[in-house]
């Protein structure tokens, strides 16, 4: 990758990271808090499973992706 591509990708992924952080950390919990929703045990359990699933997916992606990039570089 050249510098221009890297700068473009950096801007794109920074915007995505900030946008998702805003939605998932501020807006979504803010809406649930303002409506007065009371978490049930089932709802909380679902959130925990979702969080662990996301954690496993992210860990696998972060671990496997560099090997895929390395393979593509060697193949070229």
C-alpha atoms as a PDB file:
ATOM      1  CA  UNK A   1       0.000   0.000   0.000  1.00  0.00           C
ATOM      2  CA  UNK A   2       1.181   3.486  -0.714  1.00  0.00           C
ATOM      3  CA  UNK A   3       0.886   6.464   1.608  1.00  0.00           C
ATOM      4  CA  UNK A   4      -2.170   7.906  -0.124  1.00  0.00           C
ATOM      5  CA  UNK A   5      -4.128   4.667   0.314  1.00  0.00           C
ATOM      6  CA  UNK A   6      -3.079   4.401   3.948  1.00  0.00           C
ATOM      7  CA  UNK A   7      -4.223   7.945   4.710  1.00  0.00           C
ATOM      8  CA  UNK A   8      -7.545   7.303   2.985  1.00  0.00           C
ATOM      9  CA  UNK A   9      -8.078   4.060   4.927  1.00  0.00           C
ATOM     10  CA  UNK A  10      -7.066   5.754   8.183  1.00  0.00           C
ATOM     11  CA  UNK A  11      -9.692   8.485   7.730  1.00  0.00           C
ATOM     12  CA  UNK A  12     -12.383   5.973   6.815  1.00  0.00           C
ATOM     13  CA  UNK A  13     -11.776   3.638   9.752  1.00  0.00           C
ATOM     14  CA  UNK A  14     -11.330   6.475  12.221  1.00  0.00           C
ATOM     15  CA  UNK A  15     -14.745   7.818  11.250  1.00  0.00           C
ATOM     16  CA  UNK A  16     -16.279   4.360  11.570  1.00  0.00           C
ATOM     17  CA  UNK A  17     -14.690   3.823  14.988  1.00  0.00           C
ATOM     18  CA  UNK A  18     -15.834   7.191  16.314  1.00  0.00           C
ATOM     19  CA  UNK A  19     -19.327   6.782  14.866  1.00  0.00           C
ATOM     20  CA  UNK A  20     -19.826   3.293  16.274  1.00  0.00           C
ATOM     21  CA  UNK A  21     -18.432   4.350  19.639  1.00  0.00           C
ATOM     22  CA  UNK A  22     -20.849   7.258  19.765  1.00  0.00           C
ATOM     23  CA  UNK A  23     -23.818   5.073  18.889  1.00  0.00           C
ATOM     24  CA  UNK A  24     -22.961   2.111  21.108  1.00  0.00           C
ATOM     25  CA  UNK A  25     -21.628   3.997  24.145  1.00  0.00           C
ATOM     26  CA  UNK A  26     -23.699   7.195  24.212  1.00  0.00           C
ATOM     27  CA  UNK A  27     -26.826   7.156  22.045  1.00  0.00           C
ATOM     28  CA  UNK A  28     -28.150   3.613  22.515  1.00  0.00           C
ATOM     29  CA  UNK A  29     -27.691   3.465  26.318  1.00  0.00           C
ATOM     30  CA  UNK A  30     -28.962   7.049  26.562  1.00  0.00           C
ATOM     31  CA  UNK A  31     -32.203   6.119  24.828  1.00  0.00           C
ATOM     32  CA  UNK A  32     -32.676   3.063  27.058  1.00  0.00           C
ATOM     33  CA  UNK A  33     -31.919   5.110  30.189  1.00  0.00           C
ATOM     34  CA  UNK A  34     -34.276   7.932  29.227  1.00  0.00           C
ATOM     35  CA  UNK A  35     -37.190   5.535  28.622  1.00  0.00           C
ATOM     36  CA  UNK A  36     -36.827   4.078  32.116  1.00  0.00           C
ATOM     37  CA  UNK A  37     -36.369   0.527  30.835  1.00  0.00           C
ATOM     38  CA  UNK A  38     -35.559  -1.951  33.604  1.00  0.00           C
ATOM     39  CA  UNK A  39     -33.228  -4.738  32.560  1.00  0.00           C
ATOM     40  CA  UNK A  40     -34.494  -8.247  33.154  1.00  0.00           C
ATOM     41  CA  UNK A  41     -32.119 -11.116  33.831  1.00  0.00           C
ATOM     42  CA  UNK A  42     -32.869 -12.588  30.396  1.00  0.00           C
ATOM     43  CA  UNK A  43     -32.123  -9.298  28.659  1.00  0.00           C
ATOM     44  CA  UNK A  44     -28.867  -8.873  30.583  1.00  0.00           C
ATOM     45  CA  UNK A  45     -27.841 -12.473  29.818  1.00  0.00           C
ATOM     46  CA  UNK A  46     -28.448 -11.806  26.122  1.00  0.00           C
ATOM     47  CA  UNK A  47     -26.227  -8.728  26.255  1.00  0.00           C
ATOM     48  CA  UNK A  48     -23.463 -10.704  27.956  1.00  0.00           C
ATOM     49  CA  UNK A  49     -23.637 -13.425  25.283  1.00  0.00           C
ATOM     50  CA  UNK A  50     -23.597 -10.771  22.570  1.00  0.00           C
ATOM     51  CA  UNK A  51     -20.568  -9.070  24.147  1.00  0.00           C
ATOM     52  CA  UNK A  52     -18.631 -12.332  24.421  1.00  0.00           C
ATOM     53  CA  UNK A  53     -19.553 -13.283  20.859  1.00  0.00           C
ATOM     54  CA  UNK A  54     -18.307  -9.914  19.627  1.00  0.00           C
ATOM     55  CA  UNK A  55     -15.138 -10.362  21.675  1.00  0.00           C
ATOM     56  CA  UNK A  56     -14.416 -13.776  20.148  1.00  0.00           C
ATOM     57  CA  UNK A  57     -15.146 -12.516  16.623  1.00  0.00           C
ATOM     58  CA  UNK A  58     -12.885  -9.484  17.083  1.00  0.00           C
ATOM     59  CA  UNK A  59     -10.083 -11.595  18.552  1.00  0.00           C
ATOM     60  CA  UNK A  60     -10.236 -14.049  15.664  1.00  0.00           C
ATOM     61  CA  UNK A  61     -10.314 -11.253  13.110  1.00  0.00           C
ATOM     62  CA  UNK A  62      -7.383  -9.420  14.705  1.00  0.00           C
ATOM     63  CA  UNK A  63      -5.415 -12.665  14.908  1.00  0.00           C
ATOM     64  CA  UNK A  64      -6.160 -14.103  11.470  1.00  0.00           C
ATOM     65  CA  UNK A  65      -6.229 -10.957   9.312  1.00  0.00           C
ATOM     66  CA  UNK A  66      -2.445 -10.290   9.425  1.00  0.00           C
ATOM     67  CA  UNK A  67      -1.779 -13.836   8.219  1.00  0.00           C
ATOM     68  CA  UNK A  68      -4.156 -13.317   5.297  1.00  0.00           C
ATOM     69  CA  UNK A  69      -2.398 -10.058   4.393  1.00  0.00           C
ATOM     70  CA  UNK A  70       0.990 -11.764   4.672  1.00  0.00           C
ATOM     71  CA  UNK A  71      -0.191 -14.599   2.418  1.00  0.00           C
ATOM     72  CA  UNK A  72      -1.419 -12.117  -0.169  1.00  0.00           C
ATOM     73  CA  UNK A  73       1.913 -10.289  -0.126  1.00  0.00           C
ATOM     74  CA  UNK A  74       3.914 -13.504  -0.592  1.00  0.00           C
ATOM     75  CA  UNK A  75       1.549 -14.670  -3.322  1.00  0.00           C
ATOM     76  CA  UNK A  76       2.182 -11.476  -5.255  1.00  0.00           C
END
